[in-house]
């Protein structure tokens, strides 16, 4: 397994993984628009302030992490945000480290990663993230509209 930057050629595989992740997530009751997802991945792969990394086993994409850096509202520094993180090959923490390294190169001062999909057990996820040097950042809430 190798971790590498995604290319536009990877977009169909990224969409397939995103659809699998969506089906397992707490958002599975909402529609999945494959064409829109492909467009968003194409933008993220080629964007100046975004990146997508994949785990690749013999030419097959088995995991992905997408992120973007956004300038803070309160100062001139940036924060990197994990946008989608999913792997079926055990590469999740390697993908996270790759995104973290990219965020440093982008001069971000923080990386925010989350478990919004709810696929991983929250207690286990929190313990693993703490062991990797992450601290909890508040709580998120959602209201259906």
C-alpha atoms as a PDB file:
ATOM      1  CA  UNK A   1       0.000   0.000   0.000  1.00  0.00           C
ATOM      2  CA  UNK A   2       1.250   3.443  -0.942  1.00  0.00           C
ATOM      3  CA  UNK A   3      -0.098   6.834   0.052  1.00  0.00           C
ATOM      4  CA  UNK A   4      -0.048   9.361  -2.775  1.00  0.00           C
ATOM      5  CA  UNK A   5      -1.687  12.532  -3.963  1.00  0.00           C
ATOM      6  CA  UNK A   6      -4.860  11.866  -5.937  1.00  0.00           C
ATOM      7  CA  UNK A   7      -5.133  12.822  -9.599  1.00  0.00           C
ATOM      8  CA  UNK A   8      -8.129  13.525 -11.785  1.00  0.00           C
ATOM      9  CA  UNK A   9      -7.821   9.928 -13.037  1.00  0.00           C
ATOM     10  CA  UNK A  10      -8.712   8.814  -9.489  1.00  0.00           C
ATOM     11  CA  UNK A  11     -12.021  10.694  -9.396  1.00  0.00           C
ATOM     12  CA  UNK A  12     -14.231   7.688 -10.333  1.00  0.00           C
ATOM     13  CA  UNK A  13     -12.632   5.605  -7.552  1.00  0.00           C
ATOM     14  CA  UNK A  14     -12.980   8.514  -5.124  1.00  0.00           C
ATOM     15  CA  UNK A  15     -16.673   8.765  -5.921  1.00  0.00           C
ATOM     16  CA  UNK A  16     -17.108   5.014  -5.322  1.00  0.00           C
ATOM     17  CA  UNK A  17     -15.391   5.238  -1.931  1.00  0.00           C
ATOM     18  CA  UNK A  18     -17.388   8.342  -1.011  1.00  0.00           C
ATOM     19  CA  UNK A  19     -20.602   6.520  -1.902  1.00  0.00           C
ATOM     20  CA  UNK A  20     -19.603   3.572   0.292  1.00  0.00           C
ATOM     21  CA  UNK A  21     -18.755   5.943   3.148  1.00  0.00           C
ATOM     22  CA  UNK A  22     -22.057   7.766   2.684  1.00  0.00           C
ATOM     23  CA  UNK A  23     -24.012   4.511   2.863  1.00  0.00           C
ATOM     24  CA  UNK A  24     -22.354   3.638   6.174  1.00  0.00           C
ATOM     25  CA  UNK A  25     -22.688   7.109   7.657  1.00  0.00           C
ATOM     26  CA  UNK A  26     -25.356   8.760   9.755  1.00  0.00           C
ATOM     27  CA  UNK A  27     -26.203  10.785   6.620  1.00  0.00           C
ATOM     28  CA  UNK A  28     -27.165   7.701   4.606  1.00  0.00           C
ATOM     29  CA  UNK A  29     -30.823   8.788   4.624  1.00  0.00           C
ATOM     30  CA  UNK A  30     -29.913  11.758   2.397  1.00  0.00           C
ATOM     31  CA  UNK A  31     -29.432  11.515  -1.388  1.00  0.00           C
ATOM     32  CA  UNK A  32     -26.006  10.865  -2.886  1.00  0.00           C
ATOM     33  CA  UNK A  33     -25.335  12.788  -6.112  1.00  0.00           C
ATOM     34  CA  UNK A  34     -22.412  11.035  -7.823  1.00  0.00           C
ATOM     35  CA  UNK A  35     -22.037  13.703 -10.522  1.00  0.00           C
ATOM     36  CA  UNK A  36     -21.831  16.482  -7.943  1.00  0.00           C
ATOM     37  CA  UNK A  37     -19.362  14.461  -5.838  1.00  0.00           C
ATOM     38  CA  UNK A  38     -17.184  13.892  -8.925  1.00  0.00           C
ATOM     39  CA  UNK A  39     -17.200  17.627  -9.625  1.00  0.00           C
ATOM     40  CA  UNK A  40     -16.214  18.432  -6.041  1.00  0.00           C
ATOM     41  CA  UNK A  41     -13.407  15.862  -6.062  1.00  0.00           C
ATOM     42  CA  UNK A  42     -12.125  17.245  -9.375  1.00  0.00           C
ATOM     43  CA  UNK A  43     -12.013  20.697  -7.804  1.00  0.00           C
ATOM     44  CA  UNK A  44     -10.315  19.435  -4.632  1.00  0.00           C
ATOM     45  CA  UNK A  45      -7.692  17.458  -6.561  1.00  0.00           C
ATOM     46  CA  UNK A  46      -6.705  20.472  -8.669  1.00  0.00           C
ATOM     47  CA  UNK A  47      -7.314  23.271  -6.139  1.00  0.00           C
ATOM     48  CA  UNK A  48      -4.611  25.535  -4.775  1.00  0.00           C
ATOM     49  CA  UNK A  49      -5.814  25.340  -1.170  1.00  0.00           C
ATOM     50  CA  UNK A  50      -7.109  21.777  -1.158  1.00  0.00           C
ATOM     51  CA  UNK A  51      -5.709  18.280  -1.507  1.00  0.00           C
ATOM     52  CA  UNK A  52      -6.863  14.692  -1.759  1.00  0.00           C
ATOM     53  CA  UNK A  53      -4.619  11.795  -0.810  1.00  0.00           C
ATOM     54  CA  UNK A  54      -5.312   8.135  -1.469  1.00  0.00           C
ATOM     55  CA  UNK A  55      -4.048   4.773  -0.341  1.00  0.00           C
ATOM     56  CA  UNK A  56      -3.229   2.739  -3.408  1.00  0.00           C
ATOM     57  CA  UNK A  57      -2.781  -1.027  -3.482  1.00  0.00           C
ATOM     58  CA  UNK A  58      -1.677  -2.345  -6.870  1.00  0.00           C
ATOM     59  CA  UNK A  59      -3.391   0.526  -8.686  1.00  0.00           C
ATOM     60  CA  UNK A  60      -6.620   0.244  -6.722  1.00  0.00           C
ATOM     61  CA  UNK A  61      -7.730   3.133  -4.493  1.00  0.00           C
ATOM     62  CA  UNK A  62      -8.709   1.771  -1.085  1.00  0.00           C
ATOM     63  CA  UNK A  63      -8.769   4.909   1.062  1.00  0.00           C
ATOM     64  CA  UNK A  64      -8.947   8.663   0.819  1.00  0.00           C
ATOM     65  CA  UNK A  65      -8.621  11.822   2.801  1.00  0.00           C
ATOM     66  CA  UNK A  66      -9.564  15.235   1.482  1.00  0.00           C
ATOM     67  CA  UNK A  67      -8.699  18.522   3.097  1.00  0.00           C
ATOM     68  CA  UNK A  68      -8.602  22.245   2.574  1.00  0.00           C
ATOM     69  CA  UNK A  69      -6.860  25.180   4.184  1.00  0.00           C
ATOM     70  CA  UNK A  70      -8.933  28.206   5.017  1.00  0.00           C
ATOM     71  CA  UNK A  71      -7.683  31.488   6.398  1.00  0.00           C
ATOM     72  CA  UNK A  72      -8.864  32.211   9.935  1.00  0.00           C
ATOM     73  CA  UNK A  73     -11.330  35.012  10.562  1.00  0.00           C
ATOM     74  CA  UNK A  74      -9.415  36.251  13.616  1.00  0.00           C
ATOM     75  CA  UNK A  75      -5.860  36.380  12.231  1.00  0.00           C
ATOM     76  CA  UNK A  76      -3.772  35.914   9.085  1.00  0.00           C
ATOM     77  CA  UNK A  77      -3.034  32.260   9.701  1.00  0.00           C
ATOM     78  CA  UNK A  78      -4.807  29.287   8.200  1.00  0.00           C
ATOM     79  CA  UNK A  79      -6.479  26.192   9.556  1.00  0.00           C
ATOM     80  CA  UNK A  80      -6.613  22.926   7.648  1.00  0.00           C
ATOM     81  CA  UNK A  81      -9.894  21.029   7.694  1.00  0.00           C
ATOM     82  CA  UNK A  82     -10.373  17.351   6.939  1.00  0.00           C
ATOM     83  CA  UNK A  83     -13.362  17.178   4.603  1.00  0.00           C
ATOM     84  CA  UNK A  84     -13.758  13.445   4.027  1.00  0.00           C
ATOM     85  CA  UNK A  85     -11.752  10.583   5.480  1.00  0.00           C
ATOM     86  CA  UNK A  86     -12.499   6.951   4.730  1.00  0.00           C
ATOM     87  CA  UNK A  87     -10.472   3.807   4.116  1.00  0.00           C
ATOM     88  CA  UNK A  88     -11.228   0.113   3.754  1.00  0.00           C
ATOM     89  CA  UNK A  89      -7.609  -1.037   3.946  1.00  0.00           C
ATOM     90  CA  UNK A  90      -6.464   0.121   7.392  1.00  0.00           C
ATOM     91  CA  UNK A  91      -4.645   3.162   5.967  1.00  0.00           C
ATOM     92  CA  UNK A  92      -6.695   5.737   7.875  1.00  0.00           C
ATOM     93  CA  UNK A  93      -4.005   6.985  10.251  1.00  0.00           C
ATOM     94  CA  UNK A  94      -1.383   7.082   7.500  1.00  0.00           C
ATOM     95  CA  UNK A  95      -3.761   9.174   5.401  1.00  0.00           C
ATOM     96  CA  UNK A  96      -4.335  11.504   8.360  1.00  0.00           C
ATOM     97  CA  UNK A  97      -0.582  11.929   8.859  1.00  0.00           C
ATOM     98  CA  UNK A  98      -0.163  12.703   5.155  1.00  0.00           C
ATOM     99  CA  UNK A  99      -2.851  15.374   5.373  1.00  0.00           C
ATOM    100  CA  UNK A 100      -1.178  16.770   8.496  1.00  0.00           C
ATOM    101  CA  UNK A 101       2.179  16.972   6.690  1.00  0.00           C
ATOM    102  CA  UNK A 102       0.506  18.718   3.736  1.00  0.00           C
ATOM    103  CA  UNK A 103      -1.187  21.190   6.100  1.00  0.00           C
ATOM    104  CA  UNK A 104       2.207  22.077   7.586  1.00  0.00           C
ATOM    105  CA  UNK A 105       3.598  22.685   4.105  1.00  0.00           C
ATOM    106  CA  UNK A 106       0.602  24.927   3.455  1.00  0.00           C
ATOM    107  CA  UNK A 107       1.601  26.901   6.590  1.00  0.00           C
ATOM    108  CA  UNK A 108      -1.589  26.051   8.455  1.00  0.00           C
ATOM    109  CA  UNK A 109      -1.313  26.367  12.218  1.00  0.00           C
ATOM    110  CA  UNK A 110      -3.900  23.691  13.038  1.00  0.00           C
ATOM    111  CA  UNK A 111      -5.620  20.671  11.519  1.00  0.00           C
ATOM    112  CA  UNK A 112      -9.205  19.862  12.412  1.00  0.00           C
ATOM    113  CA  UNK A 113     -10.312  16.280  11.807  1.00  0.00           C
ATOM    114  CA  UNK A 114     -13.693  14.871  12.719  1.00  0.00           C
ATOM    115  CA  UNK A 115     -15.912  11.850  13.065  1.00  0.00           C
ATOM    116  CA  UNK A 116     -19.047  13.483  11.616  1.00  0.00           C
ATOM    117  CA  UNK A 117     -19.984  10.398   9.620  1.00  0.00           C
ATOM    118  CA  UNK A 118     -20.378   8.467  12.842  1.00  0.00           C
ATOM    119  CA  UNK A 119     -18.948   5.277  11.368  1.00  0.00           C
ATOM    120  CA  UNK A 120     -16.305   4.856  14.059  1.00  0.00           C
ATOM    121  CA  UNK A 121     -17.282   4.400  17.685  1.00  0.00           C
ATOM    122  CA  UNK A 122     -16.854   7.891  19.221  1.00  0.00           C
ATOM    123  CA  UNK A 123     -15.072   6.700  22.379  1.00  0.00           C
ATOM    124  CA  UNK A 124     -12.573   4.624  20.415  1.00  0.00           C
ATOM    125  CA  UNK A 125     -12.092   7.403  17.847  1.00  0.00           C
ATOM    126  CA  UNK A 126     -11.442   9.952  20.623  1.00  0.00           C
ATOM    127  CA  UNK A 127      -8.878   7.688  22.308  1.00  0.00           C
ATOM    128  CA  UNK A 128      -6.998   7.033  19.062  1.00  0.00           C
ATOM    129  CA  UNK A 129      -6.971  10.730  18.189  1.00  0.00           C
ATOM    130  CA  UNK A 130      -5.709  11.635  21.676  1.00  0.00           C
ATOM    131  CA  UNK A 131      -2.866   9.101  21.323  1.00  0.00           C
ATOM    132  CA  UNK A 132      -1.961  10.798  18.025  1.00  0.00           C
ATOM    133  CA  UNK A 133      -1.703  14.191  19.733  1.00  0.00           C
ATOM    134  CA  UNK A 134      -5.119  15.646  18.879  1.00  0.00           C
ATOM    135  CA  UNK A 135      -7.294  17.358  21.467  1.00  0.00           C
ATOM    136  CA  UNK A 136     -11.058  17.621  21.377  1.00  0.00           C
ATOM    137  CA  UNK A 137     -12.421  20.858  19.999  1.00  0.00           C
ATOM    138  CA  UNK A 138     -15.878  21.506  21.367  1.00  0.00           C
ATOM    139  CA  UNK A 139     -18.847  19.617  20.031  1.00  0.00           C
ATOM    140  CA  UNK A 140     -20.879  19.704  16.839  1.00  0.00           C
ATOM    141  CA  UNK A 141     -24.647  19.689  16.620  1.00  0.00           C
ATOM    142  CA  UNK A 142     -26.987  19.248  13.693  1.00  0.00           C
ATOM    143  CA  UNK A 143     -30.584  20.210  13.065  1.00  0.00           C
ATOM    144  CA  UNK A 144     -32.524  18.922  10.095  1.00  0.00           C
ATOM    145  CA  UNK A 145     -33.910  21.731   7.942  1.00  0.00           C
END
